[in-house]
Structures are given as C-alpha cells and as structure tokens.
N, C-alpha and C. Protein backbone atom coordinates (compact mmCIF):
# COMPACT_ATOMS: atom_id res chain seq x y z
N MET A 1 36.90 48.58 -16.23
CA MET A 1 38.26 49.00 -16.59
C MET A 1 38.78 50.07 -15.62
N ARG A 2 37.95 51.11 -15.41
CA ARG A 2 38.38 52.20 -14.54
C ARG A 2 38.63 51.70 -13.12
N ASP A 3 37.72 50.84 -12.62
CA ASP A 3 37.87 50.34 -11.25
C ASP A 3 39.12 49.49 -11.11
N SER A 4 39.43 48.69 -12.13
CA SER A 4 40.63 47.84 -12.04
C SER A 4 41.89 48.69 -12.04
N LEU A 5 41.89 49.79 -12.82
CA LEU A 5 43.05 50.69 -12.84
C LEU A 5 43.21 51.38 -11.50
N LEU A 6 42.09 51.79 -10.90
CA LEU A 6 42.16 52.43 -9.59
C LEU A 6 42.69 51.45 -8.54
N ASN A 7 42.33 50.18 -8.67
CA ASN A 7 42.85 49.18 -7.74
C ASN A 7 44.35 49.01 -7.88
N VAL A 8 44.85 49.06 -9.10
CA VAL A 8 46.29 48.98 -9.31
C VAL A 8 46.99 50.16 -8.65
N LEU A 9 46.43 51.35 -8.83
CA LEU A 9 47.03 52.55 -8.22
C LEU A 9 47.04 52.44 -6.70
N ALA A 10 45.98 51.88 -6.14
CA ALA A 10 45.87 51.83 -4.69
C ALA A 10 46.69 50.71 -4.07
N LEU A 11 46.83 49.59 -4.78
CA LEU A 11 47.36 48.39 -4.14
C LEU A 11 48.72 47.94 -4.65
N SER A 12 49.06 48.25 -5.89
CA SER A 12 50.30 47.73 -6.45
C SER A 12 51.53 48.37 -5.79
N LYS A 13 52.54 47.57 -5.56
CA LYS A 13 53.81 48.06 -5.02
C LYS A 13 54.84 48.29 -6.12
N ASN A 14 54.44 48.02 -7.36
CA ASN A 14 55.35 48.14 -8.49
C ASN A 14 55.19 49.51 -9.15
N GLN A 15 56.28 50.29 -9.19
CA GLN A 15 56.21 51.65 -9.73
C GLN A 15 55.78 51.65 -11.19
N LEU A 16 56.32 50.74 -12.00
CA LEU A 16 55.98 50.70 -13.42
C LEU A 16 54.51 50.37 -13.62
N GLU A 17 53.99 49.42 -12.85
CA GLU A 17 52.57 49.08 -12.95
C GLU A 17 51.70 50.27 -12.61
N ARG A 18 52.06 51.00 -11.55
CA ARG A 18 51.27 52.16 -11.14
C ARG A 18 51.32 53.25 -12.20
N SER A 19 52.48 53.48 -12.77
CA SER A 19 52.62 54.51 -13.80
C SER A 19 51.80 54.17 -15.04
N ASN A 20 51.84 52.90 -15.45
CA ASN A 20 51.08 52.48 -16.62
C ASN A 20 49.58 52.58 -16.38
N ALA A 21 49.16 52.21 -15.18
CA ALA A 21 47.73 52.31 -14.83
C ALA A 21 47.29 53.77 -14.82
N ALA A 22 48.15 54.64 -14.30
CA ALA A 22 47.83 56.07 -14.27
C ALA A 22 47.70 56.63 -15.67
N LYS A 23 48.58 56.20 -16.56
CA LYS A 23 48.53 56.67 -17.95
C LYS A 23 47.24 56.23 -18.62
N GLN A 24 46.85 54.96 -18.41
CA GLN A 24 45.61 54.46 -19.00
C GLN A 24 44.39 55.18 -18.43
N LEU A 25 44.43 55.46 -17.13
CA LEU A 25 43.32 56.16 -16.50
C LEU A 25 43.18 57.57 -17.07
N ARG A 26 44.31 58.22 -17.30
CA ARG A 26 44.29 59.56 -17.89
C ARG A 26 43.73 59.51 -19.31
N GLU A 27 44.06 58.47 -20.05
CA GLU A 27 43.55 58.34 -21.41
C GLU A 27 42.04 58.12 -21.43
N LEU A 28 41.53 57.44 -20.40
CA LEU A 28 40.09 57.23 -20.30
C LEU A 28 39.36 58.54 -19.98
N ASN A 29 40.06 59.46 -19.34
CA ASN A 29 39.47 60.74 -18.97
C ASN A 29 40.04 61.84 -19.87
N GLY A 30 39.80 61.70 -21.16
CA GLY A 30 40.39 62.61 -22.14
C GLY A 30 40.02 64.06 -21.92
N LEU A 31 38.79 64.32 -21.44
CA LEU A 31 38.37 65.69 -21.21
C LEU A 31 39.25 66.36 -20.17
N PHE A 32 39.60 65.62 -19.12
CA PHE A 32 40.47 66.18 -18.09
C PHE A 32 41.85 66.50 -18.64
N GLU A 33 42.35 65.62 -19.51
CA GLU A 33 43.66 65.87 -20.11
C GLU A 33 43.64 67.11 -20.99
N GLU A 34 42.54 67.30 -21.70
CA GLU A 34 42.41 68.52 -22.51
C GLU A 34 42.28 69.74 -21.61
N SER A 35 41.50 69.61 -20.55
CA SER A 35 41.26 70.75 -19.66
C SER A 35 42.53 71.20 -18.97
N ILE A 36 43.39 70.25 -18.59
CA ILE A 36 44.58 70.65 -17.85
C ILE A 36 45.53 71.45 -18.73
N GLN A 37 45.49 71.23 -20.04
CA GLN A 37 46.29 72.05 -20.93
C GLN A 37 45.78 73.49 -20.96
N VAL A 38 44.47 73.65 -20.90
CA VAL A 38 43.88 74.99 -20.88
C VAL A 38 44.18 75.68 -19.55
N TRP A 39 44.00 74.96 -18.46
CA TRP A 39 44.23 75.55 -17.14
C TRP A 39 45.70 75.95 -16.97
N SER A 40 46.61 75.09 -17.40
CA SER A 40 48.03 75.42 -17.23
C SER A 40 48.41 76.62 -18.10
N ALA A 41 47.81 76.72 -19.28
CA ALA A 41 48.07 77.89 -20.13
C ALA A 41 47.55 79.16 -19.46
N ASP A 42 46.41 79.07 -18.79
CA ASP A 42 45.86 80.23 -18.08
C ASP A 42 46.81 80.71 -16.99
N ALA A 43 47.34 79.76 -16.19
CA ALA A 43 48.25 80.14 -15.10
C ALA A 43 49.51 80.81 -15.64
N ARG A 44 50.03 80.30 -16.72
CA ARG A 44 51.24 80.88 -17.31
C ARG A 44 50.94 82.25 -17.92
N PHE A 45 49.75 82.40 -18.47
CA PHE A 45 49.34 83.69 -19.02
C PHE A 45 49.30 84.75 -17.91
N VAL A 46 48.74 84.37 -16.75
CA VAL A 46 48.68 85.31 -15.63
C VAL A 46 50.08 85.75 -15.21
N LEU A 47 50.99 84.80 -15.12
CA LEU A 47 52.36 85.15 -14.74
C LEU A 47 53.02 86.03 -15.81
N ASN A 48 52.74 85.75 -17.06
CA ASN A 48 53.26 86.61 -18.13
C ASN A 48 52.78 88.05 -17.95
N ARG A 49 51.51 88.22 -17.62
CA ARG A 49 50.97 89.57 -17.44
C ARG A 49 51.58 90.26 -16.22
N ILE A 50 51.81 89.49 -15.16
CA ILE A 50 52.45 90.07 -13.97
C ILE A 50 53.87 90.52 -14.30
N GLU A 51 54.58 89.70 -15.05
CA GLU A 51 55.93 90.10 -15.48
C GLU A 51 55.88 91.40 -16.28
N LEU A 52 54.89 91.51 -17.15
CA LEU A 52 54.77 92.72 -17.97
C LEU A 52 54.49 93.95 -17.11
N LEU A 53 53.58 93.80 -16.15
CA LEU A 53 53.29 94.91 -15.24
C LEU A 53 54.52 95.30 -14.44
N ASN A 54 55.26 94.30 -14.01
CA ASN A 54 56.44 94.54 -13.18
C ASN A 54 57.54 95.29 -13.94
N SER A 55 57.62 95.04 -15.24
CA SER A 55 58.70 95.64 -16.03
C SER A 55 58.28 96.90 -16.78
N SER A 56 56.98 97.18 -16.79
CA SER A 56 56.50 98.37 -17.50
C SER A 56 56.93 99.64 -16.78
N ALA A 57 57.13 100.67 -17.55
CA ALA A 57 57.55 101.95 -16.96
C ALA A 57 56.35 102.72 -16.42
N SER A 58 56.55 103.33 -15.26
CA SER A 58 55.60 104.31 -14.73
C SER A 58 54.19 103.76 -14.52
N THR A 59 54.09 102.59 -13.88
CA THR A 59 52.78 102.12 -13.42
C THR A 59 52.90 101.85 -11.93
N ARG A 60 51.76 101.74 -11.29
CA ARG A 60 51.78 101.52 -9.84
C ARG A 60 52.37 100.16 -9.47
N PHE A 61 52.52 99.27 -10.45
CA PHE A 61 53.05 97.93 -10.18
C PHE A 61 54.52 97.77 -10.56
N THR A 62 55.11 98.75 -11.18
CA THR A 62 56.48 98.63 -11.67
C THR A 62 57.45 98.28 -10.55
N GLY A 63 58.15 97.16 -10.73
CA GLY A 63 59.18 96.76 -9.79
C GLY A 63 58.68 96.30 -8.43
N ARG A 64 57.39 96.05 -8.29
CA ARG A 64 56.85 95.70 -6.97
C ARG A 64 56.79 94.19 -6.72
N PHE A 65 57.01 93.39 -7.74
CA PHE A 65 56.90 91.94 -7.59
C PHE A 65 58.28 91.29 -7.59
N ASP A 66 58.50 90.38 -6.66
CA ASP A 66 59.72 89.57 -6.67
C ASP A 66 59.41 88.28 -7.41
N LEU A 67 59.72 88.26 -8.67
CA LEU A 67 59.34 87.13 -9.51
C LEU A 67 60.34 85.97 -9.45
N THR A 68 61.30 86.08 -8.54
CA THR A 68 62.18 84.93 -8.27
C THR A 68 61.56 84.00 -7.23
N LYS A 69 60.40 84.40 -6.67
CA LYS A 69 59.76 83.64 -5.59
C LYS A 69 58.30 83.38 -5.90
N VAL A 70 58.07 82.74 -7.02
CA VAL A 70 56.70 82.45 -7.44
C VAL A 70 56.38 80.99 -7.14
N GLY A 71 55.29 80.77 -6.42
CA GLY A 71 54.81 79.42 -6.15
C GLY A 71 53.37 79.29 -6.62
N ILE A 72 52.88 78.07 -6.67
CA ILE A 72 51.50 77.83 -7.08
C ILE A 72 50.88 76.79 -6.16
N ARG A 73 49.66 77.09 -5.70
CA ARG A 73 48.93 76.18 -4.82
C ARG A 73 47.49 76.14 -5.29
N GLU A 74 46.99 74.93 -5.57
CA GLU A 74 45.61 74.79 -6.01
C GLU A 74 45.01 73.52 -5.43
N MET A 75 43.67 73.43 -5.54
CA MET A 75 42.93 72.35 -4.91
C MET A 75 42.14 71.55 -5.94
N SER A 76 41.99 70.25 -5.70
CA SER A 76 41.21 69.34 -6.54
C SER A 76 41.80 69.29 -7.95
N PHE A 77 41.00 69.52 -9.00
CA PHE A 77 41.58 69.51 -10.34
C PHE A 77 42.61 70.62 -10.49
N GLY A 78 42.40 71.71 -9.77
CA GLY A 78 43.41 72.77 -9.74
C GLY A 78 44.72 72.28 -9.17
N GLY A 79 44.65 71.33 -8.22
CA GLY A 79 45.87 70.75 -7.66
C GLY A 79 46.67 70.03 -8.72
N ALA A 80 45.95 69.30 -9.58
CA ALA A 80 46.63 68.66 -10.73
C ALA A 80 47.26 69.72 -11.62
N ASN A 81 46.57 70.83 -11.78
CA ASN A 81 47.09 71.92 -12.59
C ASN A 81 48.39 72.48 -12.00
N ALA A 82 48.46 72.56 -10.68
CA ALA A 82 49.68 73.06 -10.05
C ALA A 82 50.88 72.20 -10.44
N GLY A 83 50.69 70.88 -10.44
CA GLY A 83 51.77 70.00 -10.86
C GLY A 83 52.14 70.17 -12.32
N GLN A 84 51.13 70.29 -13.19
CA GLN A 84 51.40 70.43 -14.61
C GLN A 84 52.07 71.77 -14.92
N VAL A 85 51.68 72.83 -14.21
CA VAL A 85 52.30 74.13 -14.42
C VAL A 85 53.78 74.08 -14.06
N CYS A 86 54.12 73.44 -12.96
CA CYS A 86 55.53 73.31 -12.58
C CYS A 86 56.30 72.51 -13.63
N ARG A 87 55.65 71.52 -14.19
CA ARG A 87 56.29 70.73 -15.25
C ARG A 87 56.60 71.59 -16.48
N LEU A 88 55.71 72.53 -16.80
CA LEU A 88 55.85 73.29 -18.04
C LEU A 88 56.64 74.58 -17.88
N ASP A 89 56.72 75.11 -16.66
CA ASP A 89 57.25 76.46 -16.51
C ASP A 89 58.13 76.58 -15.27
N PRO A 90 59.45 76.62 -15.44
CA PRO A 90 60.37 76.69 -14.29
C PRO A 90 60.31 78.02 -13.54
N ARG A 91 59.56 79.00 -14.07
CA ARG A 91 59.40 80.24 -13.31
C ARG A 91 58.63 80.00 -12.01
N PHE A 92 57.82 78.96 -11.98
CA PHE A 92 57.14 78.55 -10.76
C PHE A 92 58.12 77.70 -9.96
N LYS A 93 58.55 78.20 -8.82
CA LYS A 93 59.66 77.59 -8.08
C LYS A 93 59.23 76.49 -7.11
N ALA A 94 57.94 76.38 -6.83
CA ALA A 94 57.45 75.36 -5.91
C ALA A 94 55.95 75.26 -6.10
N GLY A 95 55.38 74.10 -5.77
CA GLY A 95 53.94 73.94 -5.96
C GLY A 95 53.31 72.99 -4.98
N ILE A 96 51.99 73.12 -4.83
CA ILE A 96 51.22 72.27 -3.92
C ILE A 96 49.96 71.80 -4.63
N ASN A 97 49.75 70.49 -4.61
CA ASN A 97 48.51 69.87 -5.08
C ASN A 97 47.69 69.50 -3.85
N MET A 98 46.57 70.17 -3.67
CA MET A 98 45.71 69.94 -2.50
C MET A 98 44.56 69.00 -2.88
N ASP A 99 44.75 67.72 -2.60
CA ASP A 99 43.71 66.70 -2.71
C ASP A 99 43.17 66.52 -4.12
N GLY A 100 44.06 66.64 -5.11
CA GLY A 100 43.64 66.42 -6.49
C GLY A 100 44.39 65.26 -7.13
N PHE A 101 43.68 64.45 -7.90
CA PHE A 101 44.33 63.39 -8.67
C PHE A 101 45.20 64.04 -9.74
N GLN A 102 46.43 63.56 -9.88
CA GLN A 102 47.40 64.23 -10.75
C GLN A 102 47.25 63.81 -12.21
N TYR A 103 46.70 64.71 -13.01
CA TYR A 103 46.65 64.53 -14.45
C TYR A 103 47.83 65.24 -15.09
N GLY A 104 47.95 65.08 -16.41
CA GLY A 104 49.02 65.73 -17.15
C GLY A 104 50.23 64.82 -17.33
N ASP A 105 51.10 65.18 -18.27
CA ASP A 105 52.27 64.34 -18.52
C ASP A 105 53.34 64.49 -17.44
N VAL A 106 53.08 65.31 -16.45
CA VAL A 106 54.00 65.44 -15.33
C VAL A 106 54.23 64.10 -14.64
N VAL A 107 53.23 63.21 -14.66
CA VAL A 107 53.38 61.93 -13.98
C VAL A 107 54.34 61.01 -14.71
N GLU A 108 54.69 61.35 -15.94
CA GLU A 108 55.66 60.56 -16.69
C GLU A 108 57.01 61.27 -16.79
N VAL A 109 56.99 62.59 -16.78
CA VAL A 109 58.21 63.37 -17.01
C VAL A 109 58.78 63.94 -15.72
N GLY A 110 57.90 64.39 -14.82
CA GLY A 110 58.35 65.01 -13.58
C GLY A 110 58.86 66.43 -13.80
N PHE A 111 59.47 67.01 -12.77
CA PHE A 111 60.05 68.35 -12.86
C PHE A 111 61.05 68.53 -11.73
N ASP A 112 61.73 69.66 -11.72
CA ASP A 112 62.84 69.89 -10.80
C ASP A 112 62.44 70.61 -9.51
N GLN A 113 61.25 71.17 -9.43
CA GLN A 113 60.87 71.97 -8.27
C GLN A 113 60.43 71.09 -7.09
N PRO A 114 60.60 71.61 -5.87
CA PRO A 114 60.01 70.93 -4.71
C PRO A 114 58.49 71.00 -4.80
N PHE A 115 57.83 69.99 -4.25
CA PHE A 115 56.38 69.89 -4.41
C PHE A 115 55.77 69.25 -3.17
N MET A 116 54.51 69.62 -2.90
CA MET A 116 53.78 69.03 -1.78
C MET A 116 52.44 68.49 -2.26
N PHE A 117 52.12 67.28 -1.83
CA PHE A 117 50.78 66.73 -1.99
C PHE A 117 50.10 66.76 -0.63
N MET A 118 48.95 67.42 -0.55
CA MET A 118 48.16 67.42 0.67
C MET A 118 46.91 66.57 0.42
N TYR A 119 46.58 65.70 1.40
CA TYR A 119 45.50 64.75 1.20
C TYR A 119 44.48 64.81 2.32
N SER A 120 43.20 64.64 1.93
CA SER A 120 42.19 64.29 2.89
C SER A 120 42.35 62.82 3.24
N GLU A 121 41.71 62.41 4.33
CA GLU A 121 41.82 61.00 4.73
C GLU A 121 41.26 60.08 3.65
N GLU A 122 40.19 60.53 2.99
CA GLU A 122 39.54 59.66 2.00
C GLU A 122 40.35 59.50 0.72
N ASN A 123 41.27 60.41 0.47
CA ASN A 123 42.05 60.36 -0.78
C ASN A 123 43.53 60.12 -0.56
N ALA A 124 43.91 59.73 0.63
CA ALA A 124 45.33 59.59 0.98
C ALA A 124 46.07 58.70 -0.02
N ASP A 125 47.19 59.23 -0.53
CA ASP A 125 48.10 58.49 -1.40
C ASP A 125 47.53 58.13 -2.77
N MET A 126 46.52 58.87 -3.22
CA MET A 126 45.99 58.52 -4.54
C MET A 126 46.97 58.82 -5.66
N ASN A 127 48.03 59.58 -5.37
CA ASN A 127 49.05 59.89 -6.38
C ASN A 127 50.36 59.16 -6.12
N ASN A 128 50.31 58.07 -5.37
CA ASN A 128 51.57 57.42 -5.02
C ASN A 128 52.31 56.88 -6.25
N PHE A 129 51.62 56.73 -7.36
CA PHE A 129 52.25 56.27 -8.60
C PHE A 129 53.19 57.31 -9.19
N ALA A 130 53.02 58.58 -8.77
CA ALA A 130 53.76 59.67 -9.42
C ALA A 130 55.01 60.10 -8.68
N TYR A 131 55.14 59.76 -7.41
CA TYR A 131 56.21 60.33 -6.59
C TYR A 131 57.60 60.11 -7.18
N GLY A 132 57.81 58.94 -7.76
CA GLY A 132 59.14 58.60 -8.24
C GLY A 132 59.59 59.41 -9.45
N GLN A 133 58.66 60.14 -10.09
CA GLN A 133 59.03 60.93 -11.27
C GLN A 133 59.54 62.32 -10.90
N PHE A 134 59.35 62.73 -9.65
CA PHE A 134 59.72 64.08 -9.26
C PHE A 134 61.21 64.12 -8.89
N LYS A 135 61.89 65.16 -9.34
CA LYS A 135 63.35 65.22 -9.23
C LYS A 135 63.83 66.04 -8.04
N ASN A 136 62.89 66.52 -7.22
CA ASN A 136 63.24 67.28 -6.03
C ASN A 136 62.47 66.69 -4.85
N THR A 137 62.53 67.34 -3.72
CA THR A 137 61.85 66.84 -2.53
C THR A 137 60.33 66.86 -2.72
N VAL A 138 59.67 65.76 -2.33
CA VAL A 138 58.22 65.67 -2.34
C VAL A 138 57.75 65.49 -0.90
N TYR A 139 56.84 66.37 -0.47
CA TYR A 139 56.22 66.26 0.86
C TYR A 139 54.83 65.68 0.68
N ILE A 140 54.47 64.75 1.54
CA ILE A 140 53.16 64.11 1.51
C ILE A 140 52.51 64.36 2.86
N VAL A 141 51.46 65.17 2.85
CA VAL A 141 50.80 65.58 4.09
C VAL A 141 49.37 65.03 4.07
N LYS A 142 49.04 64.20 5.07
CA LYS A 142 47.70 63.61 5.17
C LYS A 142 47.05 64.11 6.45
N ILE A 143 45.82 64.56 6.35
CA ILE A 143 45.11 65.11 7.50
C ILE A 143 44.02 64.14 7.92
N LYS A 144 44.20 63.53 9.07
CA LYS A 144 43.24 62.55 9.56
C LYS A 144 41.88 63.20 9.82
N GLY A 145 40.84 62.49 9.44
CA GLY A 145 39.48 62.96 9.72
C GLY A 145 38.93 63.96 8.73
N SER A 146 39.73 64.34 7.73
CA SER A 146 39.28 65.35 6.77
C SER A 146 38.66 64.69 5.55
N ASN A 147 37.89 65.49 4.80
CA ASN A 147 37.43 65.04 3.49
C ASN A 147 37.72 66.11 2.45
N HIS A 148 37.31 65.86 1.23
CA HIS A 148 37.73 66.72 0.11
C HIS A 148 37.29 68.17 0.31
N SER A 149 36.07 68.37 0.80
CA SER A 149 35.56 69.74 0.90
C SER A 149 36.25 70.55 1.98
N ASN A 150 37.00 69.90 2.87
CA ASN A 150 37.78 70.64 3.87
C ASN A 150 38.87 71.50 3.24
N PHE A 151 39.24 71.19 2.00
CA PHE A 151 40.30 71.93 1.34
C PHE A 151 39.77 73.16 0.57
N SER A 152 38.50 73.45 0.74
CA SER A 152 37.91 74.66 0.16
C SER A 152 37.15 75.39 1.27
N GLU A 153 36.59 76.55 0.94
CA GLU A 153 35.80 77.30 1.90
C GLU A 153 34.41 76.70 2.08
N LEU A 154 34.08 75.66 1.31
CA LEU A 154 32.75 75.07 1.36
C LEU A 154 32.36 74.63 2.76
N SER A 155 33.30 74.03 3.47
CA SER A 155 32.98 73.51 4.80
C SER A 155 32.71 74.61 5.81
N LEU A 156 33.15 75.83 5.49
CA LEU A 156 32.93 76.98 6.38
C LEU A 156 31.70 77.78 5.98
N ILE A 157 31.54 78.00 4.68
CA ILE A 157 30.46 78.84 4.18
C ILE A 157 29.12 78.12 4.22
N THR A 158 29.12 76.84 3.84
CA THR A 158 27.87 76.07 3.82
C THR A 158 28.08 74.75 4.57
N PRO A 159 28.13 74.80 5.89
CA PRO A 159 28.37 73.57 6.66
C PRO A 159 27.33 72.48 6.42
N LEU A 160 26.08 72.89 6.11
CA LEU A 160 25.05 71.88 5.84
C LEU A 160 25.40 71.08 4.59
N LEU A 161 25.79 71.79 3.52
CA LEU A 161 26.19 71.10 2.29
C LEU A 161 27.42 70.24 2.55
N HIS A 162 28.34 70.75 3.35
CA HIS A 162 29.53 69.97 3.73
C HIS A 162 29.11 68.65 4.36
N GLN A 163 28.11 68.68 5.24
CA GLN A 163 27.64 67.45 5.87
C GLN A 163 26.94 66.54 4.86
N LEU A 164 26.18 67.14 3.95
CA LEU A 164 25.50 66.34 2.93
C LEU A 164 26.48 65.64 2.00
N LEU A 165 27.66 66.25 1.84
CA LEU A 165 28.70 65.65 1.00
C LEU A 165 29.53 64.62 1.75
N GLY A 166 29.14 64.32 2.96
CA GLY A 166 29.83 63.29 3.73
C GLY A 166 30.40 63.79 5.03
N GLY A 167 30.49 65.12 5.17
CA GLY A 167 31.01 65.67 6.42
C GLY A 167 32.44 65.24 6.67
N SER A 168 32.92 65.52 7.85
CA SER A 168 34.27 65.11 8.24
C SER A 168 34.35 65.02 9.75
N LYS A 169 35.28 64.23 10.21
CA LYS A 169 35.44 64.06 11.65
C LYS A 169 36.17 65.23 12.28
N ILE A 170 36.95 65.95 11.48
CA ILE A 170 37.74 67.05 12.00
C ILE A 170 36.94 68.35 11.92
N ASP A 171 37.10 69.22 12.91
CA ASP A 171 36.46 70.52 12.88
C ASP A 171 36.98 71.33 11.68
N SER A 172 36.08 71.99 10.97
CA SER A 172 36.45 72.69 9.74
C SER A 172 37.46 73.80 9.99
N TRP A 173 37.28 74.56 11.06
CA TRP A 173 38.23 75.64 11.36
C TRP A 173 39.59 75.08 11.74
N ARG A 174 39.57 73.98 12.48
CA ARG A 174 40.83 73.32 12.86
C ARG A 174 41.57 72.84 11.60
N CYS A 175 40.83 72.25 10.67
CA CYS A 175 41.45 71.75 9.45
C CYS A 175 42.04 72.90 8.64
N LEU A 176 41.32 74.01 8.58
CA LEU A 176 41.83 75.18 7.85
C LEU A 176 43.13 75.68 8.46
N LYS A 177 43.20 75.69 9.78
CA LYS A 177 44.43 76.12 10.45
C LYS A 177 45.59 75.20 10.09
N ILE A 178 45.33 73.90 10.06
CA ILE A 178 46.38 72.94 9.70
C ILE A 178 46.85 73.18 8.27
N ILE A 179 45.90 73.31 7.35
CA ILE A 179 46.24 73.53 5.95
C ILE A 179 47.09 74.78 5.79
N ASN A 180 46.64 75.87 6.39
CA ASN A 180 47.36 77.14 6.28
C ASN A 180 48.78 77.04 6.85
N SER A 181 48.92 76.33 7.95
CA SER A 181 50.23 76.21 8.61
C SER A 181 51.22 75.45 7.73
N TYR A 182 50.78 74.36 7.10
CA TYR A 182 51.69 73.57 6.28
C TYR A 182 51.97 74.24 4.94
N VAL A 183 50.98 74.92 4.39
CA VAL A 183 51.22 75.67 3.16
C VAL A 183 52.25 76.77 3.41
N LEU A 184 52.06 77.51 4.51
CA LEU A 184 52.99 78.58 4.83
C LEU A 184 54.40 78.04 5.07
N ALA A 185 54.50 76.95 5.81
CA ALA A 185 55.82 76.37 6.09
C ALA A 185 56.52 75.95 4.80
N PHE A 186 55.77 75.34 3.89
CA PHE A 186 56.35 74.88 2.63
C PHE A 186 56.90 76.04 1.82
N PHE A 187 56.11 77.09 1.66
CA PHE A 187 56.57 78.21 0.84
C PHE A 187 57.65 79.03 1.56
N GLU A 188 57.58 79.10 2.87
CA GLU A 188 58.66 79.78 3.61
C GLU A 188 59.99 79.08 3.35
N LYS A 189 59.95 77.76 3.36
CA LYS A 189 61.19 77.00 3.18
C LYS A 189 61.70 77.10 1.75
N HIS A 190 60.83 76.97 0.78
CA HIS A 190 61.28 76.81 -0.60
C HIS A 190 61.22 78.08 -1.44
N LEU A 191 60.56 79.12 -0.94
CA LEU A 191 60.60 80.41 -1.64
C LEU A 191 61.41 81.43 -0.87
N ASN A 192 61.26 81.45 0.44
CA ASN A 192 61.99 82.42 1.27
C ASN A 192 63.26 81.85 1.88
N VAL A 193 63.51 80.55 1.65
CA VAL A 193 64.70 79.86 2.17
C VAL A 193 64.81 80.10 3.69
N SER A 194 63.71 79.88 4.38
CA SER A 194 63.67 80.02 5.83
C SER A 194 63.51 78.65 6.48
N ASN A 195 63.85 78.57 7.75
CA ASN A 195 63.65 77.33 8.48
C ASN A 195 62.16 77.02 8.60
N ALA A 196 61.81 75.76 8.43
CA ALA A 196 60.41 75.34 8.53
C ALA A 196 60.36 73.99 9.25
N PRO A 197 60.58 73.99 10.57
CA PRO A 197 60.63 72.73 11.31
C PRO A 197 59.35 71.92 11.23
N LEU A 198 58.24 72.56 10.89
CA LEU A 198 56.98 71.83 10.77
C LEU A 198 57.07 70.74 9.71
N LEU A 199 57.95 70.92 8.73
CA LEU A 199 58.08 69.96 7.64
C LEU A 199 59.04 68.81 7.97
N ASP A 200 59.66 68.88 9.13
CA ASP A 200 60.71 67.91 9.44
C ASP A 200 60.18 66.59 9.97
N GLY A 201 58.92 66.55 10.41
CA GLY A 201 58.39 65.30 10.95
C GLY A 201 57.11 65.54 11.73
N PRO A 202 56.68 64.57 12.53
CA PRO A 202 55.43 64.70 13.29
C PRO A 202 55.43 65.94 14.18
N SER A 203 54.26 66.53 14.34
CA SER A 203 54.12 67.76 15.11
C SER A 203 53.23 67.52 16.32
N LEU A 204 53.69 67.96 17.49
CA LEU A 204 52.86 67.88 18.69
C LEU A 204 51.66 68.81 18.59
N GLU A 205 51.83 69.92 17.88
CA GLU A 205 50.74 70.88 17.72
C GLU A 205 49.65 70.35 16.79
N TYR A 206 50.05 69.53 15.82
CA TYR A 206 49.09 69.02 14.85
C TYR A 206 49.16 67.49 14.78
N PRO A 207 48.68 66.80 15.81
CA PRO A 207 48.75 65.33 15.80
C PRO A 207 47.86 64.69 14.73
N GLU A 208 46.97 65.47 14.13
CA GLU A 208 46.11 64.94 13.06
C GLU A 208 46.87 64.72 11.76
N VAL A 209 48.09 65.22 11.68
CA VAL A 209 48.84 65.19 10.43
C VAL A 209 49.86 64.05 10.40
N VAL A 210 49.86 63.34 9.30
CA VAL A 210 50.92 62.37 9.00
C VAL A 210 51.72 62.97 7.84
N ILE A 211 53.00 63.15 8.03
CA ILE A 211 53.82 63.76 6.99
C ILE A 211 54.97 62.83 6.62
N GLU A 212 55.21 62.72 5.32
CA GLU A 212 56.35 61.98 4.79
C GLU A 212 57.15 62.91 3.89
N THR A 213 58.44 62.65 3.81
CA THR A 213 59.28 63.41 2.89
C THR A 213 60.05 62.42 2.04
N ARG A 214 59.99 62.62 0.74
CA ARG A 214 60.71 61.75 -0.18
C ARG A 214 61.67 62.58 -1.00
N LYS A 215 62.90 62.18 -1.00
CA LYS A 215 63.94 62.88 -1.77
C LYS A 215 63.90 62.38 -3.22
N ALA A 216 64.62 63.08 -4.07
CA ALA A 216 64.68 62.70 -5.47
C ALA A 216 65.12 61.27 -5.64
N ASN A 217 64.42 60.56 -6.54
CA ASN A 217 64.73 59.17 -6.88
C ASN A 217 64.48 58.18 -5.75
N ASP A 218 63.76 58.62 -4.71
CA ASP A 218 63.40 57.73 -3.61
C ASP A 218 62.09 57.06 -3.98
N VAL A 219 62.16 55.97 -4.75
CA VAL A 219 60.96 55.30 -5.24
C VAL A 219 60.61 54.16 -4.29
N ARG A 220 59.31 54.12 -3.89
CA ARG A 220 58.88 53.06 -2.99
C ARG A 220 57.68 52.32 -3.59
C-alpha cells in the first residue's frame, strides 16, 4: 500500500490523485501526524514567549525583537513542521522546508505566506503533490549530488557516518555554502523586502542548483 502511494506521488501528473495519495500516506503514518501537532505547538509557544519578553517592562529583551519579520526554517521532519506552523500561525511570515516530506493538513488547506522547498538529489520533488495548495510564491530548490544528511551538520561533524549513510557526490562544505546562500536570499527577499537575484533563476555561481518558482494557483 505504502509503495503504491509513493509511486502515485512520484509519477502521477494529476493533482487530485497526488493529493489523495498524500492524504492516505499521512493516515498510514498516524504517529507523524500526531507529532507534527506537538512540534507546531512548540514553535508557536516559543514565539509567544518571545513576544512576552519583547513587550515586558524593564528587561534586557524589551523592544529588541522585530516581530513583523519572523520566519521559520527547519530540516527533515522539522521541515514539515515549518509548513504546518505557517499554516497555523500568520505571525510566521515565510518558511522553508529543507528536505522533509510534508505532513500536516497544510497539504490540503495551504497558507498565504511565501515558502521554499529545498531538496537533496535523492528526494527531489517528493512534495510535488502539495505545491498547488499554496497561495503565495513557492520556490523549489534542488541541489545536485546532495543527500539528506547534507542538510544537517552531520556531514561536517561525522564525515564517516555521512559516508556510511550513503555519502554524497557534492563536497559537504560546498553544499553548506549553497544552502546558506539560498536561505539567506529567501529571507532577505520576503522578510527584509530586499532584492534577491539568486532566486530569479539559474546561477553561474551555483551550477549545482536547479531552481523553480511557482506562483499562486500555478498547478502542474
């Protein structure tokens, strides 16, 4: 059952078929659906506490946070959490899912914030069923030669374990530079309202990257 649903997600060109398969896959992984509710509540709790610190009188944090420019970026299951948090809380103005399968009802409801999906080569487009539900610009960034562990410090701290997990064709430091550059460009554009030409198309500096941009209601 699970394999057939994954095949639909990977191969079907029909948006409704992909959405239904994603919903069934989420139902099969009930623990993940329960966990994402806990994780998203944690993220919102942290922001609540920051707001309280920012508004409290006579503390070292009073008035130091610009809470009109809050973004969220997470990796793997945390990446799914980033999407779900944006769905639940408009205080988060932009988000990035780094190489995580998208759980949560966000894949059926969507949200209004701009969002970025970053993918390793092995997981490219695993969330293609969800793009049509998002109501703002969606960036899809794929890094050739990378694998899942490149999106964490694992490939730098324990390169042997990184190799045992399958390794990657791309140099770990090079991949980190690419990730940091696209994350920074995304948040500069959508939180600081600054120019970010890196998001406009292919980059001579980073030929390992394939980037797509999909506007609201651009379903493929």
